[in-house]
Amino acid sequence: MFFSSRHIQKMRDSLLSISTPEWLYLAGGLMLGVALWLAINRKIVHKAVAGLRAKGIKPNPTAFCESAMGFAIFTLNGGILYLATQLPSFFLFSFAVAGLLIGGWIAMPADSN
């Protein structure tokens, strides 16, 4: 998508119109979202994947399970993002964006060792 200088100026003006408390809500939601979803990744996803590996399940089903859990987190945060657009909330929006990124990251397993 190509933007003209008018579009860029309009986006700049809309970013400058955001007040300081709204920026704080954005930053707070982003930090809390990253912390919460990484904790869920560490506690639930990693334990489930380690349990499957310990049972001797082959790498492909293990990777599929990890991808399914990541997609579930991604989908849940997509719903939260939709809710944040219906109820204008900077905090919910940034929380959901952090969750979308982490859910996408979990959905793509790094390796199958």
N, C-alpha and C. Protein backbone atom coordinates (compact mmCIF):
# COMPACT_ATOMS: atom_id res chain seq x y z
N MET A 1 0.85 -1.16 0.00
CA MET A 1 0.00 0.00 0.00
C MET A 1 0.90 1.24 0.00
N PHE A 2 0.60 2.16 -0.85
CA PHE A 2 1.39 3.38 -0.96
C PHE A 2 0.66 4.52 -0.25
N PHE A 3 1.41 5.32 0.45
CA PHE A 3 0.86 6.46 1.17
C PHE A 3 1.41 7.74 0.56
N SER A 4 0.57 8.71 0.44
CA SER A 4 1.04 10.02 0.00
C SER A 4 1.49 10.80 1.24
N SER A 5 2.11 11.92 1.02
CA SER A 5 2.56 12.73 2.16
C SER A 5 1.36 13.22 2.97
N ARG A 6 0.21 13.38 2.31
CA ARG A 6 -1.01 13.79 3.02
C ARG A 6 -1.45 12.71 4.00
N HIS A 7 -1.38 11.43 3.57
CA HIS A 7 -1.74 10.32 4.46
C HIS A 7 -0.78 10.23 5.64
N ILE A 8 0.50 10.39 5.35
CA ILE A 8 1.49 10.31 6.41
C ILE A 8 1.29 11.45 7.41
N GLN A 9 0.99 12.63 6.91
CA GLN A 9 0.74 13.77 7.79
C GLN A 9 -0.50 13.54 8.64
N LYS A 10 -1.52 12.92 8.04
CA LYS A 10 -2.75 12.63 8.78
C LYS A 10 -2.48 11.61 9.89
N MET A 11 -1.68 10.57 9.59
CA MET A 11 -1.32 9.58 10.61
C MET A 11 -0.50 10.24 11.72
N ARG A 12 0.43 11.10 11.35
CA ARG A 12 1.25 11.81 12.34
C ARG A 12 0.37 12.65 13.25
N ASP A 13 -0.57 13.38 12.67
CA ASP A 13 -1.47 14.21 13.46
C ASP A 13 -2.32 13.37 14.41
N SER A 14 -2.78 12.20 13.94
CA SER A 14 -3.60 11.35 14.81
C SER A 14 -2.76 10.78 15.95
N LEU A 15 -1.48 10.47 15.70
CA LEU A 15 -0.62 10.00 16.79
C LEU A 15 -0.32 11.12 17.78
N LEU A 16 -0.15 12.33 17.29
CA LEU A 16 0.13 13.44 18.18
C LEU A 16 -1.09 13.84 19.00
N SER A 17 -2.28 13.46 18.54
CA SER A 17 -3.49 13.83 19.27
C SER A 17 -3.76 12.89 20.45
N ILE A 18 -2.99 11.80 20.56
CA ILE A 18 -3.18 10.87 21.67
C ILE A 18 -2.60 11.52 22.93
N SER A 19 -3.38 11.52 23.98
CA SER A 19 -2.96 12.18 25.23
C SER A 19 -1.98 11.30 26.00
N THR A 20 -1.33 11.90 26.98
CA THR A 20 -0.33 11.19 27.80
C THR A 20 -0.95 10.00 28.56
N PRO A 21 -2.12 10.16 29.18
CA PRO A 21 -2.70 8.97 29.85
C PRO A 21 -3.00 7.83 28.87
N GLU A 22 -3.40 8.17 27.66
CA GLU A 22 -3.67 7.11 26.68
C GLU A 22 -2.39 6.40 26.28
N TRP A 23 -1.28 7.14 26.15
CA TRP A 23 0.02 6.51 25.86
C TRP A 23 0.41 5.61 27.02
N LEU A 24 0.12 6.03 28.25
CA LEU A 24 0.44 5.19 29.41
C LEU A 24 -0.40 3.91 29.41
N TYR A 25 -1.67 4.03 29.02
CA TYR A 25 -2.51 2.84 28.89
C TYR A 25 -1.95 1.90 27.83
N LEU A 26 -1.51 2.46 26.70
CA LEU A 26 -0.92 1.64 25.65
C LEU A 26 0.32 0.91 26.16
N ALA A 27 1.21 1.65 26.81
CA ALA A 27 2.45 1.04 27.32
C ALA A 27 2.15 0.01 28.41
N GLY A 28 1.22 0.32 29.31
CA GLY A 28 0.85 -0.62 30.36
C GLY A 28 0.24 -1.89 29.81
N GLY A 29 -0.65 -1.75 28.85
CA GLY A 29 -1.27 -2.92 28.24
C GLY A 29 -0.26 -3.77 27.50
N LEU A 30 0.68 -3.12 26.83
CA LEU A 30 1.70 -3.86 26.11
C LEU A 30 2.59 -4.63 27.08
N MET A 31 3.03 -3.99 28.15
CA MET A 31 3.90 -4.66 29.12
C MET A 31 3.17 -5.80 29.83
N LEU A 32 1.93 -5.55 30.27
CA LEU A 32 1.17 -6.59 30.94
C LEU A 32 0.84 -7.74 29.99
N GLY A 33 0.50 -7.40 28.75
CA GLY A 33 0.20 -8.44 27.77
C GLY A 33 1.40 -9.33 27.49
N VAL A 34 2.56 -8.72 27.30
CA VAL A 34 3.77 -9.52 27.05
C VAL A 34 4.08 -10.39 28.26
N ALA A 35 4.02 -9.82 29.45
CA ALA A 35 4.33 -10.59 30.66
C ALA A 35 3.36 -11.76 30.85
N LEU A 36 2.06 -11.48 30.70
CA LEU A 36 1.06 -12.53 30.91
C LEU A 36 1.16 -13.64 29.87
N TRP A 37 1.24 -13.26 28.59
CA TRP A 37 1.24 -14.29 27.56
C TRP A 37 2.55 -15.07 27.52
N LEU A 38 3.68 -14.44 27.88
CA LEU A 38 4.93 -15.20 28.00
C LEU A 38 4.88 -16.14 29.19
N ALA A 39 4.24 -15.71 30.28
CA ALA A 39 4.08 -16.60 31.44
C ALA A 39 3.21 -17.79 31.08
N ILE A 40 2.14 -17.55 30.34
CA ILE A 40 1.28 -18.65 29.90
C ILE A 40 2.05 -19.58 28.97
N ASN A 41 2.88 -18.98 28.10
CA ASN A 41 3.70 -19.79 27.21
C ASN A 41 4.63 -20.68 28.01
N ARG A 42 5.28 -20.10 29.02
CA ARG A 42 6.25 -20.86 29.82
C ARG A 42 5.56 -21.92 30.67
N LYS A 43 4.46 -21.56 31.31
CA LYS A 43 3.81 -22.47 32.26
C LYS A 43 2.98 -23.56 31.57
N ILE A 44 2.22 -23.18 30.57
CA ILE A 44 1.28 -24.14 29.98
C ILE A 44 1.83 -24.79 28.72
N VAL A 45 2.22 -23.97 27.75
CA VAL A 45 2.64 -24.51 26.46
C VAL A 45 3.92 -25.33 26.60
N HIS A 46 4.92 -24.78 27.27
CA HIS A 46 6.18 -25.51 27.42
C HIS A 46 6.01 -26.80 28.22
N LYS A 47 5.19 -26.75 29.27
CA LYS A 47 4.96 -27.97 30.07
C LYS A 47 4.23 -29.02 29.24
N ALA A 48 3.24 -28.61 28.45
CA ALA A 48 2.51 -29.56 27.62
C ALA A 48 3.42 -30.18 26.58
N VAL A 49 4.26 -29.36 25.93
CA VAL A 49 5.16 -29.87 24.90
C VAL A 49 6.21 -30.77 25.53
N ALA A 50 6.75 -30.39 26.69
CA ALA A 50 7.73 -31.23 27.38
C ALA A 50 7.11 -32.57 27.79
N GLY A 51 5.85 -32.53 28.23
CA GLY A 51 5.15 -33.76 28.58
C GLY A 51 4.96 -34.69 27.39
N LEU A 52 4.63 -34.12 26.25
CA LEU A 52 4.49 -34.93 25.04
C LEU A 52 5.82 -35.54 24.63
N ARG A 53 6.88 -34.75 24.74
CA ARG A 53 8.22 -35.27 24.38
C ARG A 53 8.65 -36.36 25.35
N ALA A 54 8.32 -36.19 26.64
CA ALA A 54 8.69 -37.19 27.64
C ALA A 54 7.95 -38.50 27.42
N LYS A 55 6.75 -38.43 26.89
CA LYS A 55 5.98 -39.65 26.59
C LYS A 55 6.48 -40.34 25.34
N GLY A 56 7.40 -39.70 24.64
CA GLY A 56 7.97 -40.32 23.44
C GLY A 56 7.13 -40.10 22.19
N ILE A 57 6.27 -39.12 22.22
CA ILE A 57 5.45 -38.83 21.03
C ILE A 57 6.35 -38.21 19.97
N LYS A 58 6.13 -38.59 18.74
CA LYS A 58 6.98 -38.14 17.64
C LYS A 58 6.93 -36.62 17.48
N PRO A 59 7.96 -36.05 16.83
CA PRO A 59 8.04 -34.58 16.71
C PRO A 59 6.88 -33.93 15.97
N ASN A 60 6.34 -34.55 14.94
CA ASN A 60 5.27 -33.89 14.17
C ASN A 60 3.99 -33.69 14.98
N PRO A 61 3.50 -34.69 15.72
CA PRO A 61 2.32 -34.42 16.56
C PRO A 61 2.61 -33.41 17.67
N THR A 62 3.82 -33.42 18.20
CA THR A 62 4.20 -32.44 19.22
C THR A 62 4.17 -31.03 18.65
N ALA A 63 4.73 -30.86 17.46
CA ALA A 63 4.71 -29.55 16.81
C ALA A 63 3.29 -29.12 16.47
N PHE A 64 2.46 -30.08 16.07
CA PHE A 64 1.06 -29.76 15.79
C PHE A 64 0.34 -29.29 17.05
N CYS A 65 0.60 -29.95 18.17
CA CYS A 65 -0.02 -29.56 19.44
C CYS A 65 0.42 -28.15 19.84
N GLU A 66 1.72 -27.86 19.69
CA GLU A 66 2.23 -26.53 20.03
C GLU A 66 1.62 -25.48 19.12
N SER A 67 1.49 -25.80 17.84
CA SER A 67 0.87 -24.86 16.90
C SER A 67 -0.59 -24.62 17.23
N ALA A 68 -1.30 -25.67 17.62
CA ALA A 68 -2.71 -25.53 17.98
C ALA A 68 -2.88 -24.63 19.20
N MET A 69 -1.99 -24.78 20.19
CA MET A 69 -2.08 -23.93 21.38
C MET A 69 -1.75 -22.47 21.03
N GLY A 70 -0.76 -22.28 20.17
CA GLY A 70 -0.43 -20.92 19.73
C GLY A 70 -1.56 -20.29 18.95
N PHE A 71 -2.21 -21.08 18.09
CA PHE A 71 -3.35 -20.57 17.32
C PHE A 71 -4.51 -20.23 18.24
N ALA A 72 -4.70 -21.01 19.30
CA ALA A 72 -5.78 -20.72 20.26
C ALA A 72 -5.52 -19.39 20.97
N ILE A 73 -4.27 -19.14 21.36
CA ILE A 73 -3.92 -17.85 21.98
C ILE A 73 -4.11 -16.72 20.98
N PHE A 74 -3.70 -16.96 19.73
CA PHE A 74 -3.86 -15.97 18.67
C PHE A 74 -5.34 -15.63 18.46
N THR A 75 -6.18 -16.65 18.41
CA THR A 75 -7.62 -16.45 18.19
C THR A 75 -8.26 -15.72 19.37
N LEU A 76 -7.90 -16.10 20.59
CA LEU A 76 -8.43 -15.44 21.78
C LEU A 76 -8.09 -13.95 21.76
N ASN A 77 -6.86 -13.63 21.42
CA ASN A 77 -6.46 -12.23 21.37
C ASN A 77 -7.08 -11.49 20.20
N GLY A 78 -7.40 -12.19 19.14
CA GLY A 78 -8.16 -11.57 18.06
C GLY A 78 -9.53 -11.13 18.54
N GLY A 79 -10.14 -11.96 19.38
CA GLY A 79 -11.43 -11.59 19.99
C GLY A 79 -11.30 -10.40 20.94
N ILE A 80 -10.22 -10.39 21.71
CA ILE A 80 -9.98 -9.25 22.61
C ILE A 80 -9.74 -7.98 21.80
N LEU A 81 -9.02 -8.11 20.68
CA LEU A 81 -8.78 -6.96 19.81
C LEU A 81 -10.09 -6.42 19.24
N TYR A 82 -10.98 -7.32 18.83
CA TYR A 82 -12.30 -6.89 18.34
C TYR A 82 -13.07 -6.17 19.44
N LEU A 83 -13.01 -6.71 20.67
CA LEU A 83 -13.67 -6.08 21.80
C LEU A 83 -13.09 -4.68 22.05
N ALA A 84 -11.77 -4.54 21.90
CA ALA A 84 -11.12 -3.24 22.11
C ALA A 84 -11.54 -2.22 21.07
N THR A 85 -11.96 -2.67 19.88
CA THR A 85 -12.44 -1.73 18.88
C THR A 85 -13.90 -1.34 19.15
N GLN A 86 -14.66 -2.25 19.76
CA GLN A 86 -16.06 -1.95 20.07
C GLN A 86 -16.18 -1.05 21.30
N LEU A 87 -15.34 -1.30 22.29
CA LEU A 87 -15.27 -0.46 23.49
C LEU A 87 -13.91 0.22 23.42
N PRO A 88 -13.84 1.40 22.89
CA PRO A 88 -12.52 2.03 22.66
C PRO A 88 -11.65 2.01 23.91
N SER A 89 -10.67 1.10 23.92
CA SER A 89 -9.80 0.95 25.07
C SER A 89 -8.36 0.79 24.59
N PHE A 90 -7.53 1.75 24.92
CA PHE A 90 -6.13 1.69 24.54
C PHE A 90 -5.43 0.54 25.24
N PHE A 91 -5.79 0.30 26.50
CA PHE A 91 -5.16 -0.77 27.28
C PHE A 91 -5.48 -2.13 26.66
N LEU A 92 -6.76 -2.40 26.41
CA LEU A 92 -7.15 -3.67 25.81
C LEU A 92 -6.53 -3.86 24.43
N PHE A 93 -6.47 -2.79 23.66
CA PHE A 93 -5.91 -2.87 22.32
C PHE A 93 -4.45 -3.32 22.37
N SER A 94 -3.64 -2.66 23.19
CA SER A 94 -2.22 -3.02 23.23
C SER A 94 -2.02 -4.39 23.88
N PHE A 95 -2.86 -4.76 24.85
CA PHE A 95 -2.80 -6.09 25.47
C PHE A 95 -3.06 -7.16 24.41
N ALA A 96 -4.08 -6.93 23.57
CA ALA A 96 -4.43 -7.90 22.54
C ALA A 96 -3.37 -7.97 21.44
N VAL A 97 -2.77 -6.85 21.09
CA VAL A 97 -1.72 -6.86 20.07
C VAL A 97 -0.53 -7.67 20.56
N ALA A 98 -0.15 -7.50 21.83
CA ALA A 98 0.94 -8.29 22.39
C ALA A 98 0.59 -9.78 22.35
N GLY A 99 -0.64 -10.12 22.70
CA GLY A 99 -1.07 -11.51 22.66
C GLY A 99 -1.10 -12.08 21.26
N LEU A 100 -1.51 -11.27 20.29
CA LEU A 100 -1.50 -11.73 18.90
C LEU A 100 -0.09 -12.07 18.45
N LEU A 101 0.85 -11.21 18.77
CA LEU A 101 2.24 -11.45 18.37
C LEU A 101 2.80 -12.70 19.05
N ILE A 102 2.54 -12.86 20.33
CA ILE A 102 3.07 -14.02 21.04
C ILE A 102 2.35 -15.29 20.59
N GLY A 103 1.05 -15.22 20.36
CA GLY A 103 0.32 -16.38 19.86
C GLY A 103 0.83 -16.83 18.50
N GLY A 104 1.11 -15.88 17.62
CA GLY A 104 1.70 -16.21 16.32
C GLY A 104 3.08 -16.81 16.46
N TRP A 105 3.85 -16.30 17.42
CA TRP A 105 5.20 -16.81 17.67
C TRP A 105 5.13 -18.25 18.18
N ILE A 106 4.20 -18.55 19.07
CA ILE A 106 4.05 -19.91 19.61
C ILE A 106 3.55 -20.86 18.51
N ALA A 107 2.69 -20.36 17.64
CA ALA A 107 2.09 -21.22 16.61
C ALA A 107 3.11 -21.73 15.60
N MET A 108 4.27 -21.09 15.52
CA MET A 108 5.32 -21.54 14.61
C MET A 108 6.44 -22.17 15.41
N PRO A 109 6.40 -23.48 15.63
CA PRO A 109 7.44 -24.14 16.44
C PRO A 109 8.82 -23.93 15.81
N ALA A 110 9.81 -23.67 16.67
CA ALA A 110 11.16 -23.40 16.19
C ALA A 110 11.82 -24.66 15.65
N ASP A 111 11.74 -25.73 16.39
CA ASP A 111 12.35 -26.98 15.94
C ASP A 111 11.58 -28.13 16.55
N SER A 112 11.95 -29.30 16.19
CA SER A 112 11.25 -30.49 16.69
C SER A 112 12.19 -31.40 17.45
N ASN A 113 13.19 -30.85 18.09
CA ASN A 113 14.14 -31.65 18.88
C ASN A 113 13.56 -32.01 20.21
